[in-house]
C-alpha atoms as a PDB file:
ATOM      1  CA  MET A   1     -14.989 -69.824   3.119  1.00  0.00           C
ATOM      2  CA  THR A   2     -16.399 -73.325   3.412  1.00  0.00           C
ATOM      3  CA  PRO A   3     -14.160 -76.339   2.749  1.00  0.00           C
ATOM      4  CA  ASN A   4     -16.194 -77.332  -0.342  1.00  0.00           C
ATOM      5  CA  LEU A   5     -15.935 -73.835  -1.787  1.00  0.00           C
ATOM      6  CA  LEU A   6     -12.202 -73.778  -1.046  1.00  0.00           C
ATOM      7  CA  PHE A   7     -11.746 -77.123  -2.817  1.00  0.00           C
ATOM      8  CA  VAL A   8     -13.851 -76.216  -5.847  1.00  0.00           C
ATOM      9  CA  GLY A   9     -12.620 -72.624  -6.065  1.00  0.00           C
ATOM     10  CA  LEU A  10      -8.892 -73.036  -5.498  1.00  0.00           C
ATOM     11  CA  LEU A  11      -7.621 -76.578  -5.115  1.00  0.00           C
ATOM     12  CA  LEU A  12      -9.485 -78.201  -7.991  1.00  0.00           C
ATOM     13  CA  PRO A  13      -8.289 -75.624 -10.570  1.00  0.00           C
ATOM     14  CA  ALA A  14      -4.747 -75.914  -9.175  1.00  0.00           C
ATOM     15  CA  ILE A  15      -4.814 -79.692  -9.496  1.00  0.00           C
ATOM     16  CA  LEU A  16      -6.308 -79.563 -13.006  1.00  0.00           C
ATOM     17  CA  PHE A  17      -3.751 -76.969 -14.124  1.00  0.00           C
ATOM     18  CA  THR A  18      -0.915 -79.098 -12.754  1.00  0.00           C
ATOM     19  CA  LEU A  19      -2.199 -82.168 -14.595  1.00  0.00           C
ATOM     20  CA  VAL A  20      -2.473 -80.254 -17.873  1.00  0.00           C
ATOM     21  CA  TYR A  21       0.756 -78.268 -17.468  1.00  0.00           C
ATOM     22  CA  PHE A  22       3.381 -80.888 -18.349  1.00  0.00           C
ATOM     23  CA  PRO A  23       1.607 -82.264 -21.440  1.00  0.00           C
ATOM     24  CA  ALA A  24       0.975 -78.678 -22.567  1.00  0.00           C
ATOM     25  CA  THR A  25       4.666 -77.804 -22.291  1.00  0.00           C
ATOM     26  CA  LYS A  26       5.546 -80.870 -24.352  1.00  0.00           C
ATOM     27  CA  LEU A  27       2.961 -80.051 -27.024  1.00  0.00           C
ATOM     28  CA  SER A  28       3.634 -76.312 -27.170  1.00  0.00           C
ATOM     29  CA  LEU A  29       6.249 -75.245 -29.624  1.00  0.00           C
ATOM     30  CA  ALA A  30       9.653 -74.515 -28.223  1.00  0.00           C
ATOM     31  CA  LEU A  31      10.655 -71.925 -30.776  1.00  0.00           C
ATOM     32  CA  VAL A  32      14.257 -71.635 -31.772  1.00  0.00           C
ATOM     33  CA  SER A  33      15.284 -68.233 -30.565  1.00  0.00           C
ATOM     34  CA  PRO A  34      18.254 -66.117 -31.613  1.00  0.00           C
ATOM     35  CA  TYR A  35      18.235 -64.505 -28.168  1.00  0.00           C
ATOM     36  CA  PRO A  36      20.246 -65.726 -25.191  1.00  0.00           C
ATOM     37  CA  LYS A  37      18.457 -66.683 -22.004  1.00  0.00           C
ATOM     38  CA  ALA A  38      17.872 -63.797 -19.598  1.00  0.00           C
ATOM     39  CA  ASN A  39      19.418 -63.956 -16.137  1.00  0.00           C
ATOM     40  CA  SER A  40      17.039 -66.173 -14.129  1.00  0.00           C
ATOM     41  CA  ARG A  41      17.829 -64.615 -10.768  1.00  0.00           C
ATOM     42  CA  ARG A  42      17.102 -61.101 -11.997  1.00  0.00           C
ATOM     43  CA  ARG A  43      13.980 -62.363 -13.724  1.00  0.00           C
ATOM     44  CA  LEU A  44      12.733 -63.818 -10.446  1.00  0.00           C
ATOM     45  CA  TYR A  45      13.548 -60.524  -8.667  1.00  0.00           C
ATOM     46  CA  GLY A  46      11.526 -58.625 -11.271  1.00  0.00           C
ATOM     47  CA  SER A  47       8.675 -61.074 -10.850  1.00  0.00           C
ATOM     48  CA  ALA A  48       8.811 -60.548  -7.079  1.00  0.00           C
ATOM     49  CA  VAL A  49       8.446 -56.781  -7.585  1.00  0.00           C
ATOM     50  CA  ASP A  50       5.442 -57.334  -9.859  1.00  0.00           C
ATOM     51  CA  SER A  51       3.947 -59.768  -7.342  1.00  0.00           C
ATOM     52  CA  LEU A  52       4.314 -57.209  -4.554  1.00  0.00           C
ATOM     53  CA  LEU A  53       2.412 -54.654  -6.627  1.00  0.00           C
ATOM     54  CA  VAL A  54      -0.394 -57.125  -7.315  1.00  0.00           C
ATOM     55  CA  MET A  55      -0.534 -58.275  -3.685  1.00  0.00           C
ATOM     56  CA  THR A  56      -0.710 -54.657  -2.527  1.00  0.00           C
ATOM     57  CA  CYS A  57      -3.785 -54.169  -4.716  1.00  0.00           C
ATOM     58  CA  TRP A  58      -5.356 -57.402  -3.418  1.00  0.00           C
ATOM     59  CA  VAL A  59      -4.734 -56.447   0.226  1.00  0.00           C
ATOM     60  CA  ALA A  60      -6.271 -53.040  -0.442  1.00  0.00           C
ATOM     61  CA  TYR A  61      -9.262 -54.779  -2.053  1.00  0.00           C
ATOM     62  CA  TRP A  62      -9.702 -57.168   0.879  1.00  0.00           C
ATOM     63  CA  ASN A  63      -9.369 -54.436   3.498  1.00  0.00           C
ATOM     64  CA  ALA A  64     -11.327 -51.676   1.770  1.00  0.00           C
ATOM     65  CA  GLY A  65     -13.697 -53.851  -0.223  1.00  0.00           C
ATOM     66  CA  SER A  66     -13.118 -51.544  -3.167  1.00  0.00           C
ATOM     67  CA  VAL A  67     -13.535 -53.293  -6.505  1.00  0.00           C
ATOM     68  CA  PRO A  68     -11.211 -50.902  -8.419  1.00  0.00           C
ATOM     69  CA  PHE A  69      -8.253 -52.357  -6.487  1.00  0.00           C
ATOM     70  CA  ALA A  70      -9.140 -55.885  -7.667  1.00  0.00           C
ATOM     71  CA  ILE A  71      -9.598 -54.654 -11.237  1.00  0.00           C
ATOM     72  CA  ALA A  72      -6.229 -52.855 -11.079  1.00  0.00           C
ATOM     73  CA  ALA A  73      -4.541 -56.081  -9.915  1.00  0.00           C
ATOM     74  CA  LEU A  74      -6.109 -58.143 -12.714  1.00  0.00           C
ATOM     75  CA  LEU A  75      -5.332 -55.559 -15.380  1.00  0.00           C
ATOM     76  CA  TYR A  76      -1.745 -55.250 -14.188  1.00  0.00           C
ATOM     77  CA  LEU A  77      -1.316 -59.035 -14.301  1.00  0.00           C
ATOM     78  CA  LEU A  78      -2.661 -59.218 -17.847  1.00  0.00           C
ATOM     79  CA  LEU A  79      -1.168 -56.082 -19.374  1.00  0.00           C
ATOM     80  CA  ARG A  80       2.058 -55.642 -17.405  1.00  0.00           C
ATOM     81  CA  ASP A  81       4.362 -56.512 -20.313  1.00  0.00           C
ATOM     82  CA  SER A  82       2.498 -54.519 -22.972  1.00  0.00           C
ATOM     83  CA  ILE A  83       4.158 -51.120 -22.479  1.00  0.00           C
ATOM     84  CA  GLY A  84       7.495 -51.333 -24.223  1.00  0.00           C
ATOM     85  CA  GLY A  85       7.706 -55.039 -23.362  1.00  0.00           C
ATOM     86  CA  GLN A  86       8.413 -54.266 -19.715  1.00  0.00           C
ATOM     87  CA  SER A  87       6.543 -54.497 -16.466  1.00  0.00           C
ATOM     88  CA  ILE A  88       7.710 -52.356 -13.564  1.00  0.00           C
ATOM     89  CA  GLY A  89       9.711 -55.314 -12.222  1.00  0.00           C
ATOM     90  CA  LYS A  90      11.339 -55.980 -15.601  1.00  0.00           C
ATOM     91  CA  LEU A  91      12.209 -52.300 -15.972  1.00  0.00           C
ATOM     92  CA  LEU A  92      13.921 -52.335 -12.581  1.00  0.00           C
ATOM     93  CA  VAL A  93      16.022 -55.425 -13.396  1.00  0.00           C
ATOM     94  CA  GLY A  94      16.711 -54.460 -17.028  1.00  0.00           C
ATOM     95  CA  GLN A  95      14.788 -57.121 -18.933  1.00  0.00           C
ATOM     96  CA  VAL A  96      12.349 -56.946 -21.840  1.00  0.00           C
ATOM     97  CA  VAL A  97       9.745 -59.309 -23.315  1.00  0.00           C
ATOM     98  CA  VAL A  98      10.157 -59.684 -27.078  1.00  0.00           C
ATOM     99  CA  SER A  99       8.275 -61.604 -29.724  1.00  0.00           C
ATOM    100  CA  VAL A 100      10.440 -64.484 -30.925  1.00  0.00           C
ATOM    101  CA  ASP A 101       8.799 -64.298 -34.364  1.00  0.00           C
ATOM    102  CA  THR A 102       9.411 -60.601 -35.071  1.00  0.00           C
ATOM    103  CA  GLY A 103      11.970 -59.461 -32.498  1.00  0.00           C
ATOM    104  CA  GLU A 104       9.709 -56.570 -31.520  1.00  0.00           C
ATOM    105  CA  ARG A 105       8.826 -55.765 -27.943  1.00  0.00           C
ATOM    106  CA  CYS A 106       5.725 -57.426 -26.529  1.00  0.00           C
ATOM    107  CA  ARG A 107       2.416 -55.664 -27.067  1.00  0.00           C
ATOM    108  CA  ILE A 108      -1.059 -56.025 -25.578  1.00  0.00           C
ATOM    109  CA  GLY A 109      -1.984 -59.293 -27.324  1.00  0.00           C
ATOM    110  CA  GLY A 110       1.279 -60.992 -26.402  1.00  0.00           C
ATOM    111  CA  SER A 111       1.057 -59.785 -22.820  1.00  0.00           C
ATOM    112  CA  ILE A 112      -2.469 -61.142 -22.420  1.00  0.00           C
ATOM    113  CA  LYS A 113      -1.528 -64.520 -23.951  1.00  0.00           C
ATOM    114  CA  ARG A 114       1.566 -64.970 -21.791  1.00  0.00           C
ATOM    115  CA  ASN A 115      -0.101 -63.889 -18.539  1.00  0.00           C
ATOM    116  CA  LEU A 116      -3.677 -65.193 -18.878  1.00  0.00           C
ATOM    117  CA  VAL A 117      -3.087 -68.235 -16.692  1.00  0.00           C
ATOM    118  CA  LEU A 118      -1.999 -65.964 -13.834  1.00  0.00           C
ATOM    119  CA  ILE A 119      -5.522 -64.620 -13.278  1.00  0.00           C
ATOM    120  CA  LEU A 120      -7.300 -67.980 -13.004  1.00  0.00           C
ATOM    121  CA  PRO A 121      -8.036 -68.584  -9.305  1.00  0.00           C
ATOM    122  CA  GLY A 122      -6.324 -71.710  -8.053  1.00  0.00           C
ATOM    123  CA  ALA A 123      -4.470 -72.306 -11.299  1.00  0.00           C
ATOM    124  CA  ASN A 124      -2.399 -69.207 -10.588  1.00  0.00           C
ATOM    125  CA  LEU A 125      -1.102 -70.815  -7.390  1.00  0.00           C
ATOM    126  CA  ALA A 126       0.155 -73.856  -9.280  1.00  0.00           C
ATOM    127  CA  ALA A 127       1.355 -71.660 -12.144  1.00  0.00           C
ATOM    128  CA  THR A 128       3.558 -69.651  -9.807  1.00  0.00           C
ATOM    129  CA  VAL A 129       5.514 -72.752  -8.830  1.00  0.00           C
ATOM    130  CA  LEU A 130       5.487 -74.535 -12.196  1.00  0.00           C
ATOM    131  CA  GLU A 131       6.273 -71.470 -14.298  1.00  0.00           C
ATOM    132  CA  SER A 132       9.150 -70.452 -11.996  1.00  0.00           C
ATOM    133  CA  ARG A 133      10.585 -73.944 -12.311  1.00  0.00           C
ATOM    134  CA  ALA A 134      10.205 -73.836 -16.099  1.00  0.00           C
ATOM    135  CA  LEU A 135      11.925 -70.487 -16.585  1.00  0.00           C
ATOM    136  CA  VAL A 136      14.944 -71.698 -14.620  1.00  0.00           C
ATOM    137  CA  ARG A 137      15.202 -75.087 -16.354  1.00  0.00           C
ATOM    138  CA  ASP A 138      14.269 -74.182 -19.928  1.00  0.00           C
ATOM    139  CA  PRO A 139      17.294 -73.509 -22.184  1.00  0.00           C
ATOM    140  CA  GLN A 140      15.709 -70.282 -23.475  1.00  0.00           C
ATOM    141  CA  GLY A 141      14.010 -69.370 -20.194  1.00  0.00           C
ATOM    142  CA  GLN A 142      10.572 -69.757 -21.733  1.00  0.00           C
ATOM    143  CA  ARG A 143       7.703 -70.698 -19.476  1.00  0.00           C
ATOM    144  CA  LEU A 144       4.429 -72.075 -20.835  1.00  0.00           C
ATOM    145  CA  GLY A 145       2.998 -68.557 -21.166  1.00  0.00           C
ATOM    146  CA  ASP A 146       5.998 -67.540 -23.282  1.00  0.00           C
ATOM    147  CA  ARG A 147       5.638 -70.570 -25.532  1.00  0.00           C
ATOM    148  CA  LEU A 148       1.934 -69.947 -26.093  1.00  0.00           C
ATOM    149  CA  ALA A 149       2.523 -66.261 -26.871  1.00  0.00           C
ATOM    150  CA  HIS A 150       5.794 -66.870 -28.817  1.00  0.00           C
ATOM    151  CA  THR A 151       7.680 -64.517 -26.518  1.00  0.00           C
ATOM    152  CA  GLN A 152      10.924 -64.577 -24.583  1.00  0.00           C
ATOM    153  CA  VAL A 153      12.364 -62.458 -21.797  1.00  0.00           C
ATOM    154  CA  VAL A 154      15.751 -61.034 -22.782  1.00  0.00           C
ATOM    155  CA  GLU A 155      18.216 -58.574 -21.306  1.00  0.00           C
ATOM    156  CA  GLY A 156      17.322 -55.035 -22.285  1.00  0.00           C
ATOM    157  CA  LEU A 157      17.105 -51.436 -21.267  1.00  0.00           C
ATOM    158  CA  GLY A 158      16.410 -51.073 -17.558  1.00  0.00           C
ATOM    159  CA  ALA A 159      16.058 -48.365 -14.953  1.00  0.00           C
ATOM    160  CA  ARG A 160      19.804 -48.393 -14.220  1.00  0.00           C
ATOM    161  CA  ASP A 161      20.538 -47.830 -17.905  1.00  0.00           C
ATOM    162  CA  VAL A 162      18.026 -44.986 -18.110  1.00  0.00           C
ATOM    163  CA  VAL A 163      19.532 -43.288 -15.045  1.00  0.00           C
ATOM    164  CA  ARG A 164      23.075 -43.755 -16.399  1.00  0.00           C
ATOM    165  CA  ASP A 165      22.097 -42.293 -19.781  1.00  0.00           C
ATOM    166  CA  LEU A 166      20.348 -39.351 -18.118  1.00  0.00           C
ATOM    167  CA  GLN A 167      23.423 -38.687 -15.993  1.00  0.00           C
ATOM    168  CA  LYS A 168      25.633 -38.741 -19.094  1.00  0.00           C
ATOM    169  CA  TRP A 169      23.258 -36.419 -20.908  1.00  0.00           C
ATOM    170  CA  TRP A 170      23.151 -33.932 -18.002  1.00  0.00           C
ATOM    171  CA  THR A 171      26.943 -34.073 -17.660  1.00  0.00           C
ATOM    172  CA  ARG A 172      27.390 -33.289 -21.376  1.00  0.00           C
ATOM    173  CA  PHE A 173      24.723 -30.595 -21.201  1.00  0.00           C
ATOM    174  CA  PHE A 174      26.373 -28.819 -18.266  1.00  0.00           C
ATOM    175  CA  ALA A 175      29.826 -29.194 -19.853  1.00  0.00           C
ATOM    176  CA  GLN A 176      28.545 -27.569 -23.044  1.00  0.00           C
ATOM    177  CA  LEU A 177      26.818 -24.879 -21.009  1.00  0.00           C
ATOM    178  CA  ALA A 178      29.978 -24.167 -19.025  1.00  0.00           C
ATOM    179  CA  GLY A 179      32.049 -24.210 -22.224  1.00  0.00           C
ATOM    180  CA  ALA A 180      29.712 -21.755 -23.915  1.00  0.00           C
ATOM    181  CA  ALA A 181      29.708 -19.450 -20.889  1.00  0.00           C
ATOM    182  CA  GLY A 182      33.505 -19.533 -20.657  1.00  0.00           C
ATOM    183  CA  ARG A 183      34.193 -18.497 -24.277  1.00  0.00           C
ATOM    184  CA  PRO A 184      35.352 -14.913 -24.592  1.00  0.00           C
ATOM    185  CA  GLY A 185      33.224 -12.648 -26.749  1.00  0.00           C
ATOM    186  CA  ARG A 186      30.284 -14.996 -26.685  1.00  0.00           C
ATOM    187  CA  GLY A 187      28.140 -12.659 -24.638  1.00  0.00           C
ATOM    188  CA  ARG A 188      28.978  -9.665 -26.869  1.00  0.00           C
ATOM    189  CA  ALA A 189      28.161 -11.532 -30.081  1.00  0.00           C
ATOM    190  CA  VAL A 190      24.724 -12.400 -28.783  1.00  0.00           C
ATOM    191  CA  ALA A 191      24.149  -8.814 -27.584  1.00  0.00           C
ATOM    192  CA  ASP A 192      25.234  -7.359 -30.979  1.00  0.00           C
ATOM    193  CA  ARG A 193      22.632  -9.360 -32.909  1.00  0.00           C
END
């Protein structure tokens, strides 16, 4: 990559995004939200998991030269919050993206709006730093993408909760099964029918 191409392709968009970022956050609506701010540390952990998935696709693309890996990375970045309001990282840390206007979980349109800046080469480098700073400092934990899409990350159902609920269900199921097997006359009543 030549120095001019590096400057035009990565540094110039990063610089332009940085210059536009702060005025855009001031002009974008900070919506009053009934939801409390999600835990910033867990949110950053979830983001790290999502970043690892995207970087794995990019490394596979660079090493194999296979375009489907690059497409998978871009689609994941754009649509990651559209399935039940959770990306894989958010599911693991127990957080959900909701629409501040309706309270419903984020869908495809909201996911694209909140994550669009993350696919712009160069701007995504600056966005990583600026958006992380914003989600920690903002009272509602809303980054610019959240403000533009009218979304917020909140605490919600996560993988730990799903596992706990499944364990409870299995425990109740086996207790009922053992209780039914231990009742006298149960086997005869079924055989008599």
